[in-house]
Amino acid sequence: MLFAISSISSFVIALLTFFAFLRNLTLFNPNILGLIFGFLGFLGALSVQGKLRVFYHEFKHKLVSGLVGNRPKKLEIKNALEGEFEYEYSTETKHYNPFIALAPYFFPFVTLFTTPFWTVFLGVEKVIKEAIFVFSLSFDLTFNTSEISPEQSDFDAVPGGKLTGLVFVISMNFIQTVLCLSVILGGFDFLTTILFDAFWTFPIEFFKNSFF
């Protein structure tokens, strides 16, 4: 049930942020440094190959598993194409299992890890913080989307099958894409405008036009 709700919610949020993005495109002011760092993040993710890529994939399984309270059993890198992560099954956390299975395809680890650098660090110019944010999210998006494949066995562990898993993963990455593009096109100010419009202005307008 939790994963089904999350899939529907992520899809709705993806639509809201996309519509808000389109509604406010005339306000953008391109961030050249952000564009450069976004491209560097793209190249950085593509450079992660072989056993390091497999390790990072399995590490994200382990990280999300640990965050929800599971105890790890094994993380093995078999070769440059295949790895395996196992954790102790728990009925208390079983509703999180789909998120653990899909973690390598949507979880923005680098963006979350670098949060202090693009938020609270004092004395750092906003344009630098924006560049760090874009680099991190571009890296995450490139890695996550390049891992997506219906042939991945991880999608078999999702309630509702591969289609449900793909809807969730694609929606989550689409939301992150809109966030990344918003900062590239107008910095954090433009991103704030997009989020406010998506979750406040647009829903209120829709409600008024639909029921009044």
Protein backbone atom coordinates (compact mmCIF):
# COMPACT_ATOMS: atom_id res chain seq x y z
CA MET A 1 0.00 0.00 0.00
CA LEU A 2 2.79 2.44 0.91
CA PHE A 3 4.54 1.90 -2.40
CA ALA A 4 1.31 2.25 -4.37
CA ILE A 5 0.58 5.56 -2.65
CA SER A 6 4.17 6.69 -3.27
CA SER A 7 3.94 5.79 -6.96
CA ILE A 8 0.71 7.73 -7.44
CA SER A 9 2.03 10.67 -5.42
CA SER A 10 5.31 10.83 -7.34
CA PHE A 11 3.41 10.79 -10.63
CA VAL A 12 1.11 13.64 -9.50
CA ILE A 13 4.06 15.67 -8.19
CA ALA A 14 5.89 15.13 -11.47
CA LEU A 15 2.90 16.55 -13.37
CA LEU A 16 2.53 19.52 -11.00
CA THR A 17 6.20 20.49 -11.20
CA PHE A 18 6.23 20.08 -14.98
CA PHE A 19 3.15 22.29 -15.46
CA ALA A 20 4.60 24.89 -13.08
CA PHE A 21 7.89 24.78 -14.97
CA LEU A 22 6.14 25.42 -18.29
CA ARG A 23 3.97 28.19 -16.82
CA ASN A 24 7.00 30.12 -15.60
CA LEU A 25 9.50 29.61 -18.41
CA THR A 26 9.29 33.28 -19.40
CA LEU A 27 10.87 34.21 -16.06
CA PHE A 28 14.08 32.27 -16.49
CA ASN A 29 17.54 33.82 -16.41
CA PRO A 30 20.09 31.20 -17.57
CA ASN A 31 22.80 30.23 -15.11
CA ILE A 32 25.88 29.57 -17.29
CA LEU A 33 27.98 28.23 -14.42
CA GLY A 34 25.13 25.89 -13.50
CA LEU A 35 24.95 24.65 -17.09
CA ILE A 36 28.70 23.91 -17.09
CA PHE A 37 28.56 22.08 -13.77
CA GLY A 38 25.49 20.15 -14.91
CA PHE A 39 27.47 18.90 -17.89
CA LEU A 40 30.38 18.00 -15.61
CA GLY A 41 28.01 16.02 -13.39
CA PHE A 42 26.75 14.19 -16.47
CA LEU A 43 30.31 13.29 -17.51
CA GLY A 44 31.22 12.34 -13.95
CA ALA A 45 28.42 9.81 -13.72
CA LEU A 46 29.30 8.28 -17.08
CA SER A 47 32.90 7.86 -15.93
CA VAL A 48 31.83 5.52 -13.12
CA GLN A 49 32.26 2.13 -14.73
CA GLY A 50 33.17 -1.48 -13.99
CA LYS A 51 33.30 -2.74 -10.43
CA LEU A 52 33.03 0.79 -9.04
CA ARG A 53 29.68 1.22 -10.80
CA VAL A 54 28.47 -2.13 -9.49
CA PHE A 55 29.60 -1.19 -5.98
CA TYR A 56 27.77 2.14 -6.11
CA HIS A 57 24.63 0.36 -7.32
CA GLU A 58 24.72 -2.14 -4.45
CA PHE A 59 25.77 0.55 -1.97
CA LYS A 60 22.54 2.43 -2.61
CA HIS A 61 20.56 -0.75 -1.88
CA LYS A 62 22.47 -1.02 1.39
CA LEU A 63 22.09 2.65 2.29
CA VAL A 64 18.32 2.78 1.89
CA SER A 65 18.00 -0.59 3.61
CA GLY A 66 19.93 0.77 6.58
CA LEU A 67 17.93 3.99 6.65
CA VAL A 68 14.69 2.06 7.16
CA GLY A 69 16.22 -0.09 9.90
CA ASN A 70 17.29 -3.34 8.24
CA ARG A 71 20.44 -5.22 9.20
CA PRO A 72 22.80 -5.97 6.27
CA LYS A 73 23.98 -9.51 5.65
CA LYS A 74 26.14 -9.36 2.54
CA LEU A 75 27.39 -6.96 -0.11
CA GLU A 76 29.31 -8.73 -2.85
CA ILE A 77 30.83 -7.46 -6.09
CA LYS A 78 30.94 -10.55 -8.30
CA ASN A 79 32.44 -8.93 -11.39
CA ALA A 80 32.36 -5.71 -13.41
CA LEU A 81 28.71 -6.32 -14.33
CA GLU A 82 27.11 -8.02 -11.36
CA GLY A 83 26.82 -7.59 -7.61
CA GLU A 84 24.55 -8.65 -4.79
CA PHE A 85 23.25 -7.15 -1.56
CA GLU A 86 21.32 -9.07 1.07
CA TYR A 87 19.69 -7.95 4.30
CA GLU A 88 17.78 -9.63 7.08
CA TYR A 89 14.06 -9.78 6.35
CA SER A 90 11.85 -8.00 8.86
CA THR A 91 8.06 -7.84 8.94
CA GLU A 92 8.34 -4.40 10.55
CA THR A 93 10.09 -2.92 7.51
CA LYS A 94 8.71 -5.10 4.71
CA HIS A 95 6.64 -2.21 3.29
CA TYR A 96 9.94 -0.46 2.52
CA ASN A 97 11.30 -3.36 0.47
CA PRO A 98 10.23 -1.88 -2.92
CA PHE A 99 12.14 1.33 -2.14
CA ILE A 100 15.23 -0.69 -1.24
CA ALA A 101 14.96 -2.68 -4.47
CA LEU A 102 14.61 0.48 -6.59
CA ALA A 103 17.10 2.67 -4.70
CA PRO A 104 19.82 2.58 -7.42
CA TYR A 105 17.34 4.00 -9.93
CA PHE A 106 15.96 7.02 -8.06
CA PHE A 107 17.83 7.75 -4.82
CA PRO A 108 19.84 11.03 -5.18
CA PHE A 109 22.70 10.09 -2.88
CA VAL A 110 25.26 12.64 -4.10
CA THR A 111 22.74 15.49 -3.91
CA LEU A 112 21.78 14.57 -0.34
CA PHE A 113 25.42 14.01 0.66
CA THR A 114 26.42 17.46 -0.57
CA THR A 115 23.41 19.21 1.01
CA PRO A 116 25.54 21.29 3.46
CA PHE A 117 27.57 22.68 0.54
CA TRP A 118 24.53 24.07 -1.31
CA THR A 119 22.47 25.11 1.71
CA VAL A 120 23.93 26.25 5.03
CA PHE A 121 27.62 26.93 4.32
CA LEU A 122 28.19 30.58 5.20
CA GLY A 123 30.33 32.86 3.09
CA VAL A 124 29.76 30.85 -0.09
CA GLU A 125 28.31 32.74 -3.04
CA LYS A 126 24.83 31.63 -4.06
CA VAL A 127 25.97 30.99 -7.61
CA ILE A 128 28.56 28.50 -6.29
CA LYS A 129 25.91 26.75 -4.19
CA GLU A 130 23.69 26.52 -7.25
CA ALA A 131 26.56 25.03 -9.27
CA ILE A 132 27.19 22.38 -6.58
CA PHE A 133 23.50 21.52 -6.49
CA VAL A 134 23.28 21.17 -10.27
CA PHE A 135 26.48 19.09 -10.47
CA SER A 136 25.25 16.73 -7.76
CA LEU A 137 21.75 16.30 -9.12
CA SER A 138 23.03 15.92 -12.69
CA PHE A 139 25.37 13.18 -11.49
CA ASP A 140 22.53 11.41 -9.68
CA LEU A 141 20.13 11.71 -12.61
CA THR A 142 22.65 10.41 -15.13
CA PHE A 143 23.66 7.46 -13.00
CA ASN A 144 20.13 6.56 -11.93
CA THR A 145 18.53 6.75 -15.37
CA SER A 146 21.38 4.87 -17.03
CA GLU A 147 20.73 1.98 -14.63
CA ILE A 148 17.03 1.71 -15.48
CA SER A 149 16.09 -1.35 -17.48
CA PRO A 150 13.00 -3.61 -17.44
CA GLU A 151 15.46 -6.49 -17.48
CA GLN A 152 16.82 -5.55 -14.05
CA SER A 153 15.76 -8.17 -11.52
CA ASP A 154 15.22 -5.44 -8.91
CA PHE A 155 11.95 -4.50 -10.59
CA ASP A 156 10.60 -8.00 -9.98
CA ALA A 157 10.48 -7.29 -6.24
CA VAL A 158 7.99 -4.46 -6.68
CA PRO A 159 4.29 -5.01 -5.87
CA GLY A 160 2.32 -4.51 -9.05
CA GLY A 161 5.16 -5.64 -11.27
CA LYS A 162 7.70 -3.89 -13.43
CA LEU A 163 5.27 -1.33 -14.81
CA THR A 164 4.48 0.03 -11.35
CA GLY A 165 8.17 0.16 -10.54
CA LEU A 166 8.95 1.99 -13.76
CA VAL A 167 6.20 4.54 -13.15
CA PHE A 168 7.65 5.32 -9.71
CA VAL A 169 11.26 5.48 -10.87
CA ILE A 170 10.55 7.55 -13.98
CA SER A 171 8.35 9.95 -11.99
CA MET A 172 11.01 10.45 -9.33
CA ASN A 173 13.69 11.11 -11.92
CA PHE A 174 11.39 13.43 -13.84
CA ILE A 175 10.84 15.51 -10.69
CA GLN A 176 14.59 15.71 -10.14
CA THR A 177 15.09 16.71 -13.78
CA VAL A 178 12.68 19.62 -13.39
CA LEU A 179 14.49 20.71 -10.21
CA CYS A 180 17.86 20.55 -11.95
CA LEU A 181 16.68 22.42 -15.06
CA SER A 182 15.01 25.06 -12.91
CA VAL A 183 18.27 25.91 -11.17
CA ILE A 184 20.18 25.89 -14.47
CA LEU A 185 17.64 28.22 -16.06
CA GLY A 186 17.17 30.62 -13.17
CA GLY A 187 18.95 29.60 -10.00
CA PHE A 188 17.36 28.91 -6.64
CA ASP A 189 15.03 31.89 -7.09
CA PHE A 190 13.47 30.32 -10.18
CA LEU A 191 13.28 26.94 -8.41
CA THR A 192 11.43 28.56 -5.51
CA THR A 193 8.97 30.09 -7.95
CA ILE A 194 8.37 26.72 -9.60
CA LEU A 195 7.76 24.92 -6.30
CA PHE A 196 5.45 27.65 -4.96
CA ASP A 197 3.45 27.61 -8.18
CA ALA A 198 3.29 23.79 -8.27
CA PHE A 199 2.13 23.26 -4.71
CA TRP A 200 0.20 26.45 -3.95
CA THR A 201 -0.78 28.74 -6.82
CA PHE A 202 -1.68 26.10 -9.42
CA PRO A 203 -3.70 23.83 -7.05
CA ILE A 204 -5.68 26.84 -5.76
CA GLU A 205 -6.42 28.04 -9.30
CA PHE A 206 -7.43 24.53 -10.35
CA PHE A 207 -9.74 24.18 -7.33
CA LYS A 208 -11.39 27.56 -7.93
CA ASN A 209 -11.90 26.95 -11.63
CA SER A 210 -13.28 23.47 -11.04
CA PHE A 211 -15.70 24.09 -8.19
CA PHE A 212 -16.61 27.78 -8.29
